[in-house]
């Protein structure tokens, strides 16, 4: 393992006991640190590192340690918004939002071709995410950018474990 000793980083919840801990991975950067998310009354209330995870051994970067706070923000969007004819953002259904996304994407591809679409993505995705991004006609889009801003807590451990293969290097 990259880290010789575990150290459990956590953002403390001080409002009593939590209902349960849910195993997860941090999705803020491309490292994928192991963590546990505390749930109380159906809401995320805390996060702590997983000391048994081989990448981070319980450590969390500052972004990962505080990521759960965004879930409680009063500004957090809970449903999709689209602009109406006056330019005002209005709530719409998920089906309407996806239908609009598909229709507008098809229009851009028809009008501008693959140069009309750019993709900015993180390195922390599932195989299905990358497969979807790579599907034609988007696959031929020359504007594909991947985030290279990893959290710093486990970076040493990851680079010591194994070198990156060409399939894991972002472009």
Protein backbone atom coordinates (compact mmCIF):
# COMPACT_ATOMS: atom_id res chain seq x y z
CA UNK A 1 0.00 0.00 0.00
CA UNK A 2 1.09 3.53 -0.65
CA UNK A 3 0.42 4.83 2.84
CA UNK A 4 2.14 2.92 5.62
CA UNK A 5 -0.47 3.73 8.27
CA UNK A 6 -4.13 4.49 8.03
CA UNK A 7 -5.50 7.84 9.18
CA UNK A 8 -9.24 8.43 9.20
CA UNK A 9 -10.08 11.93 8.00
CA UNK A 10 -13.64 12.94 8.72
CA UNK A 11 -16.00 15.86 8.79
CA UNK A 12 -17.71 15.60 12.16
CA UNK A 13 -21.48 15.56 12.61
CA UNK A 14 -22.37 16.81 16.07
CA UNK A 15 -26.14 16.32 16.13
CA UNK A 16 -26.27 12.86 17.71
CA UNK A 17 -25.86 9.38 16.30
CA UNK A 18 -26.26 8.69 12.60
CA UNK A 19 -28.75 6.11 11.26
CA UNK A 20 -26.26 4.26 9.04
CA UNK A 21 -22.93 4.45 7.22
CA UNK A 22 -22.95 3.84 3.46
CA UNK A 23 -19.77 2.68 1.70
CA UNK A 24 -18.88 4.84 -1.29
CA UNK A 25 -16.05 6.44 -3.18
CA UNK A 26 -15.36 10.16 -3.35
CA UNK A 27 -16.42 11.52 -6.74
CA UNK A 28 -14.80 14.94 -6.55
CA UNK A 29 -11.64 14.03 -8.50
CA UNK A 30 -10.22 11.17 -10.52
CA UNK A 31 -8.60 9.30 -7.62
CA UNK A 32 -11.67 7.51 -6.26
CA UNK A 33 -10.82 7.45 -2.55
CA UNK A 34 -12.79 5.06 -0.39
CA UNK A 35 -15.12 6.66 2.11
CA UNK A 36 -18.20 6.15 4.22
CA UNK A 37 -21.16 8.52 4.08
CA UNK A 38 -23.26 9.00 7.21
CA UNK A 39 -27.03 9.17 6.75
CA UNK A 40 -29.45 10.62 9.30
CA UNK A 41 -33.18 10.93 8.60
CA UNK A 42 -32.55 10.23 4.90
CA UNK A 43 -29.95 12.99 4.48
CA UNK A 44 -26.16 12.98 4.16
CA UNK A 45 -24.76 14.41 7.37
CA UNK A 46 -21.10 13.39 7.45
CA UNK A 47 -18.27 11.73 5.56
CA UNK A 48 -15.20 9.85 6.71
CA UNK A 49 -12.34 8.12 4.95
CA UNK A 50 -12.15 4.34 4.69
CA UNK A 51 -8.97 3.19 6.40
CA UNK A 52 -9.07 -0.17 4.62
CA UNK A 53 -9.20 1.34 1.12
CA UNK A 54 -5.90 0.66 -0.69
CA UNK A 55 -5.67 4.07 -2.38
CA UNK A 56 -6.28 6.54 0.42
CA UNK A 57 -6.08 4.48 3.65
CA UNK A 58 -8.68 6.77 5.24
CA UNK A 59 -7.32 10.08 4.00
CA UNK A 60 -9.57 12.57 2.23
CA UNK A 61 -8.62 15.72 0.39
CA UNK A 62 -10.22 18.98 1.52
CA UNK A 63 -12.78 18.86 -1.28
CA UNK A 64 -13.74 15.27 -0.55
CA UNK A 65 -13.95 15.89 3.16
CA UNK A 66 -16.44 18.72 2.64
CA UNK A 67 -18.32 17.54 -0.45
CA UNK A 68 -21.40 16.45 1.50
CA UNK A 69 -22.11 20.04 2.55
CA UNK A 70 -23.31 20.88 -0.97
CA UNK A 71 -26.13 18.37 -0.56
CA UNK A 72 -27.63 20.56 2.17
CA UNK A 73 -27.20 23.87 0.35
CA UNK A 74 -30.41 25.85 -0.14
CA UNK A 75 -29.06 26.74 -3.62
CA UNK A 76 -28.79 23.09 -4.70
CA UNK A 77 -30.91 22.27 -7.73
CA UNK A 78 -33.35 19.45 -7.09
CA UNK A 79 -34.90 19.32 -10.56
CA UNK A 80 -33.91 20.45 -14.05
CA UNK A 81 -34.52 24.00 -15.23
CA UNK A 82 -35.03 25.30 -18.76
CA UNK A 83 -35.38 28.86 -20.02
CA UNK A 84 -38.85 29.87 -21.13
CA UNK A 85 -39.59 32.26 -24.02
CA UNK A 86 -38.74 35.25 -21.81
CA UNK A 87 -35.38 33.78 -20.77
CA UNK A 88 -36.49 32.98 -17.23
CA UNK A 89 -35.44 29.60 -15.76
CA UNK A 90 -38.45 27.42 -14.97
CA UNK A 91 -38.67 23.91 -13.46
CA UNK A 92 -39.37 21.08 -15.91
CA UNK A 93 -39.62 17.29 -15.69
CA UNK A 94 -36.58 15.08 -16.22
CA UNK A 95 -38.19 13.69 -19.38
CA UNK A 96 -38.69 17.18 -20.80
CA UNK A 97 -35.11 18.16 -19.94
CA UNK A 98 -33.65 15.04 -21.59
CA UNK A 99 -35.86 15.43 -24.67
CA UNK A 100 -34.70 19.04 -25.01
CA UNK A 101 -31.04 18.04 -24.59
CA UNK A 102 -31.34 15.37 -27.28
CA UNK A 103 -33.20 17.63 -29.71
CA UNK A 104 -30.75 20.52 -29.30
CA UNK A 105 -27.72 18.23 -29.56
CA UNK A 106 -29.05 16.73 -32.79
CA UNK A 107 -29.64 20.22 -34.16
CA UNK A 108 -26.08 21.30 -33.33
CA UNK A 109 -24.65 18.15 -34.95
CA UNK A 110 -26.80 18.67 -38.05
CA UNK A 111 -25.82 22.33 -38.36
CA UNK A 112 -22.14 22.27 -37.27
CA UNK A 113 -21.08 18.62 -37.34
CA UNK A 114 -18.84 17.12 -34.64
CA UNK A 115 -16.98 20.44 -34.17
CA UNK A 116 -20.16 21.87 -32.69
CA UNK A 117 -19.97 19.77 -29.52
CA UNK A 118 -17.32 19.84 -26.82
CA UNK A 119 -17.18 17.52 -23.82
CA UNK A 120 -15.62 18.37 -20.47
CA UNK A 121 -15.51 15.43 -18.12
CA UNK A 122 -13.84 14.23 -14.98
CA UNK A 123 -11.57 11.24 -14.70
CA UNK A 124 -13.89 9.78 -12.05
CA UNK A 125 -16.49 8.05 -14.15
CA UNK A 126 -17.86 4.59 -14.62
CA UNK A 127 -17.19 2.51 -17.70
CA UNK A 128 -20.74 3.25 -18.85
CA UNK A 129 -20.06 7.00 -18.65
CA UNK A 130 -17.01 6.78 -20.88
CA UNK A 131 -18.80 4.44 -23.29
CA UNK A 132 -21.66 6.94 -23.62
CA UNK A 133 -19.26 9.86 -24.17
CA UNK A 134 -17.40 7.91 -26.85
CA UNK A 135 -20.54 6.91 -28.80
CA UNK A 136 -20.82 8.28 -32.36
CA UNK A 137 -21.39 10.88 -33.59
CA UNK A 138 -19.86 12.53 -30.53
CA UNK A 139 -16.80 10.24 -30.65
CA UNK A 140 -15.45 12.16 -33.61
CA UNK A 141 -15.68 15.47 -31.74
CA UNK A 142 -12.14 16.86 -31.48
CA UNK A 143 -13.01 18.90 -28.39
CA UNK A 144 -12.85 16.41 -25.55
CA UNK A 145 -11.31 17.72 -22.33
CA UNK A 146 -10.72 15.77 -19.13
CA UNK A 147 -10.26 17.35 -15.72
CA UNK A 148 -6.77 16.93 -14.30
CA UNK A 149 -7.37 18.40 -10.84
CA UNK A 150 -6.96 15.56 -8.38
CA UNK A 151 -7.32 15.96 -4.66
CA UNK A 152 -3.91 15.82 -3.04
CA UNK A 153 -4.48 13.48 -0.08
CA UNK A 154 -3.91 10.15 -1.84
CA UNK A 155 -1.93 11.16 -4.94
CA UNK A 156 1.35 9.85 -3.53
CA UNK A 157 -0.22 6.48 -2.77
CA UNK A 158 -1.72 6.13 -6.20
CA UNK A 159 1.48 6.94 -8.05
CA UNK A 160 3.47 4.53 -5.87
CA UNK A 161 1.02 1.65 -6.41
CA UNK A 162 1.39 1.36 -10.16
CA UNK A 163 2.32 3.52 -13.11
CA UNK A 164 -0.48 4.83 -15.32
CA UNK A 165 -1.15 2.79 -18.43
CA UNK A 166 -1.95 4.51 -21.74
CA UNK A 167 -5.63 3.63 -21.22
CA UNK A 168 -5.76 5.66 -17.97
CA UNK A 169 -3.99 8.78 -19.18
CA UNK A 170 -6.35 11.66 -19.83
CA UNK A 171 -6.17 13.58 -23.09
